[in-house]
Amino acid sequence: MTEPTTPTNTEGNGKRILIIEDEKPLSHALKLKLVHEGYDVTIAEDGEDGLKMAQDENFDLVLIDIIMPKMDGFTVISKLQESGKTSNIIVLSNLGQKEDIEKAKEMGVTQYMVKSNTPISRIVDAIKTFLK
């Protein structure tokens, strides 16, 4: 678990983002870019920690992987919905099968992106669009 970082500019207006991602290089690269854009970013390295953080705190957006240790992303999303947490949720996963994308959309995710097809700059742009 990583402590939130103070934003370096005001474009993000201090909006809070939770990244639930077990690939450390990706989560840290995203965090650096998002903090630079002015967002308050917290990282959880597995689904269990991410769920606890998302339930205990208020985030404007949750960026979540599907395949993770301790609890997969679909389970985290389902449990967040059960608890009434309705943040914008963007899935960032290596799973690109039509069934996975449809399942996520049926669960109400804001957007689904496939990691291998999506540069970090496009992920940041999508986040900025949803958090205007």
C-alpha atoms as a PDB file:
ATOM      1  CA  MET A   1       0.000   0.000   0.000  1.00  0.00           C
ATOM      2  CA  THR A   2       1.178   3.473  -0.831  1.00  0.00           C
ATOM      3  CA  GLU A   3       0.289   6.752   0.814  1.00  0.00           C
ATOM      4  CA  PRO A   4      -1.487   9.396  -1.285  1.00  0.00           C
ATOM      5  CA  THR A   5       0.750  11.929  -2.991  1.00  0.00           C
ATOM      6  CA  THR A   6       0.146  15.662  -2.948  1.00  0.00           C
ATOM      7  CA  PRO A   7      -0.742  16.947  -6.427  1.00  0.00           C
ATOM      8  CA  THR A   8       1.788  19.162  -8.197  1.00  0.00           C
ATOM      9  CA  ASN A   9      -0.745  21.312 -10.091  1.00  0.00           C
ATOM     10  CA  THR A  10      -4.411  22.170  -9.892  1.00  0.00           C
ATOM     11  CA  GLU A  11      -5.756  20.788 -13.190  1.00  0.00           C
ATOM     12  CA  GLY A  12      -7.055  17.663 -11.421  1.00  0.00           C
ATOM     13  CA  ASN A  13      -8.523  19.863  -8.665  1.00  0.00           C
ATOM     14  CA  GLY A  14      -7.500  17.354  -6.001  1.00  0.00           C
ATOM     15  CA  LYS A  15      -9.883  14.688  -7.277  1.00  0.00           C
ATOM     16  CA  ARG A  16      -9.057  11.339  -5.729  1.00  0.00           C
ATOM     17  CA  ILE A  17      -8.147   8.264  -7.764  1.00  0.00           C
ATOM     18  CA  LEU A  18      -7.614   4.741  -6.478  1.00  0.00           C
ATOM     19  CA  ILE A  19      -5.472   2.480  -8.669  1.00  0.00           C
ATOM     20  CA  ILE A  20      -5.974  -1.215  -7.884  1.00  0.00           C
ATOM     21  CA  GLU A  21      -3.188  -2.871  -9.854  1.00  0.00           C
ATOM     22  CA  ASP A  22      -0.625  -5.557  -9.017  1.00  0.00           C
ATOM     23  CA  GLU A  23       1.845  -4.620 -11.776  1.00  0.00           C
ATOM     24  CA  LYS A  24       4.029  -2.170  -9.847  1.00  0.00           C
ATOM     25  CA  PRO A  25       5.783  -0.530 -12.831  1.00  0.00           C
ATOM     26  CA  LEU A  26       2.424   0.265 -14.453  1.00  0.00           C
ATOM     27  CA  SER A  27       0.735   1.497 -11.280  1.00  0.00           C
ATOM     28  CA  HIS A  28       3.674   3.746 -10.409  1.00  0.00           C
ATOM     29  CA  ALA A  29       3.936   5.146 -13.959  1.00  0.00           C
ATOM     30  CA  LEU A  30       0.207   5.931 -13.874  1.00  0.00           C
ATOM     31  CA  LYS A  31       0.547   7.510 -10.454  1.00  0.00           C
ATOM     32  CA  LEU A  32       3.398   9.781 -11.592  1.00  0.00           C
ATOM     33  CA  LYS A  33       1.430  10.951 -14.641  1.00  0.00           C
ATOM     34  CA  LEU A  34      -1.799  11.495 -12.685  1.00  0.00           C
ATOM     35  CA  VAL A  35      -0.108  13.335  -9.807  1.00  0.00           C
ATOM     36  CA  HIS A  36       1.547  15.574 -12.402  1.00  0.00           C
ATOM     37  CA  GLU A  37      -1.985  16.331 -13.698  1.00  0.00           C
ATOM     38  CA  GLY A  38      -3.048  17.380 -10.202  1.00  0.00           C
ATOM     39  CA  TYR A  39      -4.853  14.277  -8.940  1.00  0.00           C
ATOM     40  CA  ASP A  40      -4.556  12.736  -5.483  1.00  0.00           C
ATOM     41  CA  VAL A  41      -3.593   9.113  -6.212  1.00  0.00           C
ATOM     42  CA  THR A  42      -3.561   6.055  -3.977  1.00  0.00           C
ATOM     43  CA  ILE A  43      -2.367   2.594  -5.040  1.00  0.00           C
ATOM     44  CA  ALA A  44      -3.563  -0.795  -3.811  1.00  0.00           C
ATOM     45  CA  GLU A  45      -1.505  -3.781  -4.968  1.00  0.00           C
ATOM     46  CA  ASP A  46      -4.215  -6.430  -4.693  1.00  0.00           C
ATOM     47  CA  GLY A  47      -7.983  -6.691  -4.851  1.00  0.00           C
ATOM     48  CA  GLU A  48      -8.483  -7.232  -1.132  1.00  0.00           C
ATOM     49  CA  ASP A  49      -6.590  -4.062  -0.122  1.00  0.00           C
ATOM     50  CA  GLY A  50      -8.235  -2.131  -2.958  1.00  0.00           C
ATOM     51  CA  LEU A  51     -11.715  -3.123  -1.837  1.00  0.00           C
ATOM     52  CA  LYS A  52     -10.988  -2.097   1.754  1.00  0.00           C
ATOM     53  CA  MET A  53      -9.606   1.281   0.663  1.00  0.00           C
ATOM     54  CA  ALA A  54     -12.508   1.918  -1.703  1.00  0.00           C
ATOM     55  CA  GLN A  55     -15.036   1.089   1.020  1.00  0.00           C
ATOM     56  CA  ASP A  56     -13.280   3.099   3.745  1.00  0.00           C
ATOM     57  CA  GLU A  57     -12.554   6.244   1.732  1.00  0.00           C
ATOM     58  CA  ASN A  58     -14.187   8.298  -1.007  1.00  0.00           C
ATOM     59  CA  PHE A  59     -12.601   8.248  -4.437  1.00  0.00           C
ATOM     60  CA  ASP A  60     -13.798  10.071  -7.538  1.00  0.00           C
ATOM     61  CA  LEU A  61     -12.557   7.260  -9.782  1.00  0.00           C
ATOM     62  CA  VAL A  62     -11.274   3.706  -9.377  1.00  0.00           C
ATOM     63  CA  LEU A  63      -8.886   2.280 -11.984  1.00  0.00           C
ATOM     64  CA  ILE A  64      -8.879  -1.491 -11.593  1.00  0.00           C
ATOM     65  CA  ASP A  65      -7.231  -4.574 -13.068  1.00  0.00           C
ATOM     66  CA  ILE A  66      -9.181  -7.834 -13.355  1.00  0.00           C
ATOM     67  CA  ILE A  67      -6.531 -10.491 -12.673  1.00  0.00           C
ATOM     68  CA  MET A  68      -4.970  -9.750  -9.269  1.00  0.00           C
ATOM     69  CA  PRO A  69      -3.854 -11.534  -6.099  1.00  0.00           C
ATOM     70  CA  LYS A  70      -6.284 -12.171  -3.229  1.00  0.00           C
ATOM     71  CA  MET A  71      -9.412 -10.945  -5.086  1.00  0.00           C
ATOM     72  CA  ASP A  72     -10.114 -10.419  -8.780  1.00  0.00           C
ATOM     73  CA  GLY A  73     -11.404  -7.142 -10.182  1.00  0.00           C
ATOM     74  CA  PHE A  74     -14.893  -8.450 -11.001  1.00  0.00           C
ATOM     75  CA  THR A  75     -15.353  -9.457  -7.357  1.00  0.00           C
ATOM     76  CA  VAL A  76     -14.106  -6.068  -6.150  1.00  0.00           C
ATOM     77  CA  ILE A  77     -16.533  -4.262  -8.494  1.00  0.00           C
ATOM     78  CA  SER A  78     -19.420  -6.452  -7.346  1.00  0.00           C
ATOM     79  CA  LYS A  79     -18.650  -5.873  -3.661  1.00  0.00           C
ATOM     80  CA  LEU A  80     -18.341  -2.107  -4.227  1.00  0.00           C
ATOM     81  CA  GLN A  81     -21.776  -2.076  -5.826  1.00  0.00           C
ATOM     82  CA  GLU A  82     -23.227  -4.096  -2.923  1.00  0.00           C
ATOM     83  CA  SER A  83     -21.829  -1.539  -0.476  1.00  0.00           C
ATOM     84  CA  GLY A  84     -23.287   1.385  -2.443  1.00  0.00           C
ATOM     85  CA  LYS A  85     -19.952   2.776  -3.630  1.00  0.00           C
ATOM     86  CA  THR A  86     -20.655   4.156  -7.076  1.00  0.00           C
ATOM     87  CA  SER A  87     -17.384   5.807  -8.128  1.00  0.00           C
ATOM     88  CA  ASN A  88     -16.531   5.918 -11.788  1.00  0.00           C
ATOM     89  CA  ILE A  89     -14.757   2.634 -12.496  1.00  0.00           C
ATOM     90  CA  ILE A  90     -12.333   2.135 -15.365  1.00  0.00           C
ATOM     91  CA  VAL A  91     -11.112  -1.396 -15.978  1.00  0.00           C
ATOM     92  CA  LEU A  92      -7.538  -1.711 -17.240  1.00  0.00           C
ATOM     93  CA  SER A  93      -6.870  -5.368 -17.957  1.00  0.00           C
ATOM     94  CA  ASN A  94      -4.985  -7.761 -20.191  1.00  0.00           C
ATOM     95  CA  LEU A  95      -8.271  -9.623 -20.649  1.00  0.00           C
ATOM     96  CA  GLY A  96      -9.624  -8.423 -23.965  1.00  0.00           C
ATOM     97  CA  GLN A  97     -12.211 -11.098 -24.717  1.00  0.00           C
ATOM     98  CA  LYS A  98     -15.649  -9.876 -25.696  1.00  0.00           C
ATOM     99  CA  GLU A  99     -17.228 -11.773 -22.747  1.00  0.00           C
ATOM    100  CA  ASP A 100     -15.022  -9.989 -20.195  1.00  0.00           C
ATOM    101  CA  ILE A 101     -15.730  -6.570 -21.703  1.00  0.00           C
ATOM    102  CA  GLU A 102     -19.490  -7.251 -21.799  1.00  0.00           C
ATOM    103  CA  LYS A 103     -19.478  -8.530 -18.204  1.00  0.00           C
ATOM    104  CA  ALA A 104     -17.705  -5.381 -17.017  1.00  0.00           C
ATOM    105  CA  LYS A 105     -20.118  -3.121 -18.903  1.00  0.00           C
ATOM    106  CA  GLU A 106     -23.102  -5.021 -17.461  1.00  0.00           C
ATOM    107  CA  MET A 107     -21.591  -4.344 -14.028  1.00  0.00           C
ATOM    108  CA  GLY A 108     -21.677  -0.633 -14.815  1.00  0.00           C
ATOM    109  CA  VAL A 109     -18.015   0.180 -15.396  1.00  0.00           C
ATOM    110  CA  THR A 110     -17.383   3.550 -17.000  1.00  0.00           C
ATOM    111  CA  GLN A 111     -14.834   2.256 -19.503  1.00  0.00           C
ATOM    112  CA  TYR A 112     -12.864  -0.906 -20.295  1.00  0.00           C
ATOM    113  CA  MET A 113      -9.330  -0.666 -21.677  1.00  0.00           C
ATOM    114  CA  VAL A 114      -6.963  -3.448 -22.697  1.00  0.00           C
ATOM    115  CA  LYS A 115      -3.482  -2.778 -21.280  1.00  0.00           C
ATOM    116  CA  SER A 116      -1.545  -3.987 -24.309  1.00  0.00           C
ATOM    117  CA  ASN A 117      -3.578  -1.726 -26.649  1.00  0.00           C
ATOM    118  CA  THR A 118      -3.666   1.399 -24.476  1.00  0.00           C
ATOM    119  CA  PRO A 119      -0.763   3.804 -23.941  1.00  0.00           C
ATOM    120  CA  ILE A 120      -0.563   5.514 -20.546  1.00  0.00           C
ATOM    121  CA  SER A 121      -1.318   8.878 -22.158  1.00  0.00           C
ATOM    122  CA  ARG A 122      -4.676   7.541 -23.401  1.00  0.00           C
ATOM    123  CA  ILE A 123      -5.531   6.195 -19.942  1.00  0.00           C
ATOM    124  CA  VAL A 124      -4.768   9.620 -18.430  1.00  0.00           C
ATOM    125  CA  ASP A 125      -6.877  11.324 -21.119  1.00  0.00           C
ATOM    126  CA  ALA A 126      -9.820   9.010 -20.360  1.00  0.00           C
ATOM    127  CA  ILE A 127      -9.538   9.766 -16.647  1.00  0.00           C
ATOM    128  CA  LYS A 128      -9.411  13.508 -17.313  1.00  0.00           C
ATOM    129  CA  THR A 129     -12.567  13.193 -19.455  1.00  0.00           C
ATOM    130  CA  PHE A 130     -14.509  11.452 -16.678  1.00  0.00           C
ATOM    131  CA  LEU A 131     -13.302  13.741 -13.891  1.00  0.00           C
ATOM    132  CA  LYS A 132     -13.956  17.142 -15.488  1.00  0.00           C
END
